[in-house]
Protein backbone atom coordinates (compact mmCIF):
# COMPACT_ATOMS: atom_id res chain seq x y z
CA MET A 1 -22.36 -22.35 -6.87
CA ASN A 2 -18.91 -23.60 -5.84
CA ASN A 3 -17.12 -22.19 -2.80
CA THR A 4 -14.94 -19.23 -3.87
CA LEU A 5 -12.13 -17.55 -1.96
CA ILE A 6 -11.40 -14.03 -3.15
CA THR A 7 -7.80 -13.41 -2.30
CA ILE A 8 -6.31 -9.87 -2.31
CA VAL A 9 -2.50 -9.54 -2.58
CA GLY A 10 0.07 -6.80 -3.25
CA PRO A 11 2.84 -4.84 -1.55
CA THR A 12 2.51 -3.26 1.85
CA ALA A 13 0.66 0.12 2.08
CA ILE A 14 -1.03 -0.34 -1.40
CA GLY A 15 -4.61 -0.34 -0.02
CA LYS A 16 -5.44 -4.06 0.41
CA THR A 17 -7.40 -3.53 3.70
CA ALA A 18 -9.75 -1.03 2.22
CA LEU A 19 -10.47 -3.17 -0.83
CA SER A 20 -11.00 -6.28 1.22
CA ILE A 21 -13.70 -4.50 3.27
CA GLN A 22 -15.41 -3.22 0.11
CA LEU A 23 -15.45 -6.76 -1.35
CA ALA A 24 -16.58 -8.35 1.90
CA GLN A 25 -19.55 -5.95 2.06
CA ALA A 26 -20.36 -6.43 -1.60
CA PHE A 27 -20.35 -10.32 -1.35
CA ASN A 28 -21.72 -10.54 2.20
CA ALA A 29 -18.39 -12.17 3.17
CA GLU A 30 -16.09 -12.28 6.08
CA ILE A 31 -12.33 -11.65 5.91
CA ILE A 32 -9.43 -14.04 6.67
CA SER A 33 -6.31 -12.03 7.36
CA CYS A 34 -3.08 -13.71 6.47
CA ASP A 35 -0.76 -10.89 7.49
CA SER A 36 1.60 -12.79 9.74
CA ARG A 37 2.70 -9.56 11.54
CA GLN A 38 -0.95 -8.79 12.56
CA PHE A 39 -1.59 -12.05 14.48
CA PHE A 40 -0.12 -10.61 17.63
CA LYS A 41 -2.11 -8.50 20.00
CA GLU A 42 0.99 -6.70 21.44
CA MET A 43 1.87 -5.30 18.01
CA THR A 44 -0.61 -2.77 16.71
CA ILE A 45 0.99 0.36 15.36
CA GLY A 46 4.10 -1.24 13.76
CA THR A 47 2.02 -3.83 11.88
CA ALA A 48 -0.63 -1.41 10.53
CA VAL A 49 -3.57 -3.25 12.10
CA PRO A 50 -6.83 -2.00 10.58
CA GLU A 51 -8.49 0.82 12.47
CA PRO A 52 -11.39 -0.05 14.87
CA GLU A 53 -13.92 1.36 12.30
CA GLU A 54 -12.38 -0.84 9.59
CA LEU A 55 -12.64 -3.90 11.77
CA ASN A 56 -16.21 -3.07 12.50
CA SER A 57 -17.09 -2.67 8.83
CA ALA A 58 -16.67 -6.34 8.18
CA LYS A 59 -16.04 -9.41 10.27
CA HIS A 60 -12.28 -10.13 10.46
CA HIS A 61 -10.44 -13.32 11.57
CA PHE A 62 -6.85 -13.92 12.64
CA ILE A 63 -6.09 -10.22 13.63
CA GLN A 64 -4.45 -9.81 17.03
CA ASN A 65 -5.69 -13.29 18.13
CA ARG A 66 -2.32 -14.40 19.42
CA SER A 67 0.36 -13.26 21.85
CA ILE A 68 4.03 -12.79 21.04
CA PHE A 69 4.73 -15.24 23.89
CA GLU A 70 2.89 -18.03 21.91
CA ALA A 71 4.62 -20.14 19.37
CA TYR A 72 2.64 -19.93 16.14
CA ASN A 73 3.85 -20.97 12.65
CA VAL A 74 2.58 -21.08 9.10
CA GLY A 75 1.60 -24.69 9.39
CA GLU A 76 -0.73 -24.00 12.26
CA PHE A 77 -2.12 -21.04 10.47
CA GLU A 78 -2.88 -23.23 7.43
CA ARG A 79 -4.83 -25.68 9.73
CA ASP A 80 -6.67 -22.92 11.53
CA ALA A 81 -7.57 -20.91 8.38
CA LEU A 82 -8.90 -23.90 6.51
CA ALA A 83 -10.96 -24.92 9.47
CA LYS A 84 -12.39 -21.37 9.72
CA LEU A 85 -13.13 -21.34 5.90
CA ASP A 86 -15.02 -24.60 6.16
CA THR A 87 -17.34 -22.99 8.77
CA LEU A 88 -17.64 -19.66 6.82
CA PHE A 89 -18.50 -21.49 3.53
CA THR A 90 -21.59 -23.04 5.25
CA LYS A 91 -22.88 -19.52 5.66
CA ASN A 92 -21.82 -18.06 2.34
CA LYS A 93 -20.19 -19.53 -0.71
CA ILE A 94 -18.00 -16.50 -1.19
CA GLN A 95 -15.34 -15.41 1.29
CA VAL A 96 -12.43 -12.91 1.27
CA MET A 97 -8.80 -13.41 2.24
CA VAL A 98 -6.30 -10.58 2.45
CA GLY A 99 -2.67 -10.11 3.27
CA GLY A 100 0.90 -9.42 2.17
CA SER A 101 2.60 -12.52 3.66
CA GLY A 102 3.17 -14.63 0.57
CA LEU A 103 4.02 -17.84 2.34
CA TYR A 104 0.91 -17.70 4.39
CA VAL A 105 -1.27 -16.97 1.31
CA ASP A 106 0.21 -19.93 -0.47
CA ALA A 107 -0.29 -22.16 2.58
CA VAL A 108 -4.02 -21.58 2.43
CA LEU A 109 -4.45 -21.63 -1.30
CA LYS A 110 -2.12 -24.43 -2.19
CA GLY A 111 -0.89 -26.20 0.99
CA LEU A 112 2.44 -26.41 2.62
CA ASP A 113 5.30 -28.78 2.06
CA TYR A 114 5.86 -31.38 4.81
CA PHE A 115 8.86 -30.93 7.00
CA PRO A 116 10.10 -33.26 9.72
CA GLU A 117 9.86 -32.39 13.32
CA VAL A 118 13.18 -31.31 14.80
CA ASP A 119 14.59 -31.01 18.29
CA ILE A 120 13.69 -27.65 19.84
CA LYS A 121 17.26 -27.35 21.13
CA ILE A 122 18.44 -26.80 17.59
CA ARG A 123 16.35 -23.73 17.28
CA GLU A 124 17.54 -22.56 20.68
CA ASN A 125 21.10 -22.98 19.65
CA LEU A 126 20.60 -21.13 16.41
CA THR A 127 18.91 -18.27 18.22
CA LYS A 128 21.85 -17.92 20.52
CA LYS A 129 24.21 -17.94 17.61
CA LEU A 130 22.16 -15.20 15.93
CA GLU A 131 22.24 -13.04 19.04
CA LYS A 132 25.99 -13.51 19.52
CA GLU A 133 27.43 -13.73 16.02
CA GLY A 134 24.77 -12.15 13.73
CA ILE A 135 22.73 -13.38 10.85
CA GLU A 136 25.75 -13.51 8.42
CA VAL A 137 27.14 -16.56 10.20
CA LEU A 138 23.73 -18.34 9.81
CA GLN A 139 23.60 -17.28 6.12
CA LYS A 140 27.06 -18.87 5.49
CA GLN A 141 26.00 -22.07 7.34
CA LEU A 142 22.88 -22.28 5.22
CA LYS A 143 24.83 -21.79 1.99
CA LYS A 144 27.10 -24.70 2.96
CA LEU A 145 24.24 -27.04 3.89
CA ASP A 146 21.74 -26.13 1.21
CA LEU A 147 22.77 -23.90 -1.60
CA GLU A 148 19.47 -24.25 -3.38
CA THR A 149 17.52 -22.74 -0.48
CA TYR A 150 20.25 -20.10 0.11
CA ASN A 151 19.75 -18.88 -3.46
CA VAL A 152 16.00 -18.31 -3.12
CA ILE A 153 15.29 -17.55 0.61
CA ALA A 154 14.93 -14.08 2.10
CA LEU A 155 18.40 -13.96 3.52
CA ASP A 156 17.66 -10.93 5.69
CA ASN A 157 14.82 -12.75 7.44
CA PRO A 158 16.25 -14.41 10.58
CA HIS A 159 13.15 -16.59 11.10
CA ARG A 160 13.24 -18.02 7.57
CA VAL A 161 17.04 -18.68 7.63
CA MET A 162 16.84 -20.37 11.05
CA ARG A 163 13.85 -22.49 9.97
CA ALA A 164 15.69 -23.77 6.95
CA LEU A 165 18.82 -24.44 8.96
CA GLU A 166 17.02 -26.36 11.77
CA VAL A 167 15.54 -28.72 9.18
CA CYS A 168 18.89 -29.22 7.52
CA ILE A 169 20.54 -29.95 10.85
CA GLY A 170 17.77 -31.91 12.45
CA SER A 171 17.06 -34.17 9.47
CA GLY A 172 20.50 -34.37 8.01
CA THR A 173 18.90 -33.52 4.67
CA PRO A 174 18.72 -30.26 2.79
CA TYR A 175 15.63 -28.13 3.47
CA SER A 176 14.98 -27.89 -0.34
CA THR A 177 14.41 -31.56 -0.70
CA PHE A 178 11.17 -31.47 1.36
CA LYS A 179 9.64 -28.86 -1.00
CA ASN A 180 7.28 -29.13 -3.90
CA LYS A 181 5.65 -32.40 -2.98
CA PRO A 182 1.98 -33.10 -3.97
CA LYS A 183 -0.51 -31.14 -1.83
CA LYS A 184 -4.02 -31.86 -0.56
CA PRO A 185 -6.68 -30.42 -2.96
CA ARG A 186 -8.78 -27.46 -1.66
CA ASN A 187 -12.56 -27.44 -1.55
CA PHE A 188 -12.78 -23.87 -3.01
CA ASN A 189 -11.94 -21.99 -6.20
CA VAL A 190 -9.63 -19.07 -5.97
CA ILE A 191 -9.85 -15.62 -7.54
CA LYS A 192 -6.70 -13.81 -6.74
CA ILE A 193 -6.81 -9.95 -7.10
CA GLY A 194 -3.46 -8.02 -7.10
CA LEU A 195 -3.06 -4.34 -6.44
CA LYS A 196 -0.19 -2.51 -8.14
CA ALA A 197 1.34 0.86 -8.57
CA ASP A 198 4.40 2.46 -9.98
CA ARG A 199 7.47 1.85 -7.64
CA GLU A 200 7.76 5.48 -6.84
CA ILE A 201 4.14 5.61 -5.63
CA ILE A 202 4.55 2.53 -3.52
CA TYR A 203 7.75 3.79 -1.90
CA ASN A 204 6.14 7.25 -1.24
CA ARG A 205 3.11 5.55 0.43
CA ILE A 206 5.49 3.45 2.55
CA ASN A 207 7.50 6.47 3.65
CA LYS A 208 4.26 8.35 4.63
CA ARG A 209 2.91 5.34 6.49
CA VAL A 210 6.20 5.03 8.61
CA ASP A 211 6.00 8.76 9.42
CA LEU A 212 2.33 8.22 10.54
CA MET A 213 3.29 5.22 12.64
CA ILE A 214 5.94 7.31 14.41
CA ALA A 215 3.46 10.10 15.00
CA ASN A 216 0.96 7.59 16.31
CA GLY A 217 3.37 6.19 19.02
CA LEU A 218 5.46 3.42 17.40
CA LEU A 219 8.47 4.35 19.49
CA GLU A 220 6.48 3.88 22.76
CA GLU A 221 5.00 0.65 21.49
CA ALA A 222 8.50 -0.67 20.57
CA LYS A 223 9.91 0.44 23.86
CA ALA A 224 7.26 -1.56 25.78
CA LEU A 225 8.24 -4.62 23.72
CA TYR A 226 11.97 -4.10 23.97
CA PRO A 227 12.62 -6.41 27.01
CA ASN A 228 11.24 -9.26 24.74
CA LYS A 229 13.17 -8.29 21.61
CA ALA A 230 14.60 -11.86 21.21
CA LEU A 231 11.15 -13.37 20.52
CA ASN A 232 10.52 -14.58 17.01
CA ALA A 233 7.48 -12.49 16.65
CA LEU A 234 9.52 -9.29 17.07
CA GLN A 235 12.13 -10.13 14.49
CA THR A 236 10.39 -7.79 12.03
CA VAL A 237 10.70 -4.57 10.25
CA GLY A 238 9.68 -1.61 12.31
CA TYR A 239 10.69 -3.09 15.58
CA ARG A 240 14.17 -4.45 14.95
CA GLU A 241 15.50 -0.97 13.91
CA LEU A 242 14.04 0.71 17.00
CA PHE A 243 15.58 -1.99 19.17
CA SER A 244 18.92 -1.04 17.72
CA TYR A 245 18.12 2.60 18.58
CA PHE A 246 17.34 1.61 22.17
CA ASP A 247 20.59 -0.41 22.19
CA GLY A 248 22.48 2.70 21.28
CA ASP A 249 23.59 1.35 17.92
CA PHE A 250 21.42 3.69 15.80
CA THR A 251 20.27 7.31 16.19
CA LYS A 252 16.52 7.82 16.20
CA GLU A 253 16.62 9.46 12.82
CA PHE A 254 18.81 6.61 11.32
CA ALA A 255 16.48 3.99 12.80
CA ILE A 256 13.40 5.59 11.20
CA SER A 257 15.23 5.78 7.79
CA GLU A 258 16.14 2.14 8.19
CA ILE A 259 12.49 1.19 8.76
CA LYS A 260 11.56 2.95 5.57
CA LYS A 261 14.36 1.35 3.63
CA ASN A 262 13.62 -2.18 4.94
CA THR A 263 9.96 -1.82 4.32
CA ARG A 264 10.64 -0.75 0.72
CA ARG A 265 12.79 -3.85 0.42
CA PHE A 266 10.02 -5.96 1.83
CA ALA A 267 7.55 -4.53 -0.70
CA LYS A 268 9.86 -5.38 -3.51
CA ARG A 269 10.07 -9.06 -2.31
CA GLN A 270 6.35 -9.20 -2.01
CA LEU A 271 5.83 -8.12 -5.60
CA THR A 272 8.47 -10.62 -6.73
CA TRP A 273 6.57 -13.39 -4.81
CA PHE A 274 3.13 -12.53 -5.97
CA LYS A 275 3.95 -12.00 -9.58
CA ARG A 276 5.00 -15.62 -9.84
CA ASP A 277 1.30 -16.54 -10.11
CA ASN A 278 0.20 -15.86 -13.68
CA ASN A 279 -3.50 -16.32 -12.69
CA THR A 280 -3.53 -13.21 -10.52
CA LEU A 281 -5.79 -10.45 -11.90
CA TRP A 282 -3.80 -7.23 -11.37
CA PHE A 283 -5.49 -3.77 -10.95
CA ASP A 284 -4.04 -0.35 -10.41
CA TYR A 285 -4.45 0.68 -6.78
CA LYS A 286 -6.76 3.48 -7.82
CA THR A 287 -9.15 1.23 -9.75
CA ASN A 288 -12.78 1.81 -8.88
CA PRO A 289 -13.83 -1.08 -6.55
CA ASN A 290 -16.97 -1.49 -8.59
CA GLN A 291 -14.94 -2.48 -11.60
CA ILE A 292 -13.06 -5.13 -9.55
CA ILE A 293 -16.42 -6.39 -8.19
CA GLU A 294 -17.75 -6.69 -11.73
CA THR A 295 -14.70 -8.62 -12.76
CA ILE A 296 -15.08 -11.05 -9.82
CA THR A 297 -18.81 -11.49 -10.44
CA ASN A 298 -18.17 -12.34 -14.08
CA THR A 299 -15.44 -14.77 -13.16
CA ILE A 300 -17.64 -16.51 -10.63
CA SER A 301 -20.50 -16.94 -13.09
CA LYS A 302 -18.07 -18.66 -15.55
CA ASN A 303 -17.06 -21.13 -12.90
């Protein structure tokens, strides 16, 4: 039997974690997490890290294994995840990967485009500009230097905008010209499972999750991280809004409503990203896991 990586994708709060554990148990597999927000050990509540009993139900990798003070990017994750998979496949030909970070999923499944190294001072200067002048200035600069990337990138994500800009500036060439080059083939087959629900259901689940995060101490967690708010790892929904509350720019109620709104927008972008892959097998989020397991087993047998 060939190596097979079962990959679970879908919008935030849809139930990917629970399904990944059920699949890992069914196939005696371990779980690669590719949720880029859950890498950092200082961020637990705001990133919806699986509960201890969930983590104990199946072996997980790449959850809270880094510090927010460490530089870690998608290229390094691709390298580390592939190395871990090589080890796991020696124990079992079927493994599971789960996460809502589309770029990180694609990095493992397909490979990343190569980008040249750039001077770290460029990133430092862009970070200062972001802090002093806001993201709109960076967006306009990107539009001028690389309209193609400007038209497709998540413009409200400071990290993505700065990454594209630093390549444009450092190489003197548009970021988009480095994309879509031939990639190194993978040594595993992929079965991609997508979870879906009506938009109203997704948004309602998100709103309830945010309320639960607040009840579980998200404000206190964000307050502890506030002195380090300029770090890349903290430029994320759930923390940025509370930092604005601590700065006095938002009321507490408005900050919470912004977390909900921005998380809903994030979920919409996730769906747009994942629906580009026509090979994904989509299931309603309430589907009995045994039905999904049967589908996977049949697909593996055909391979």
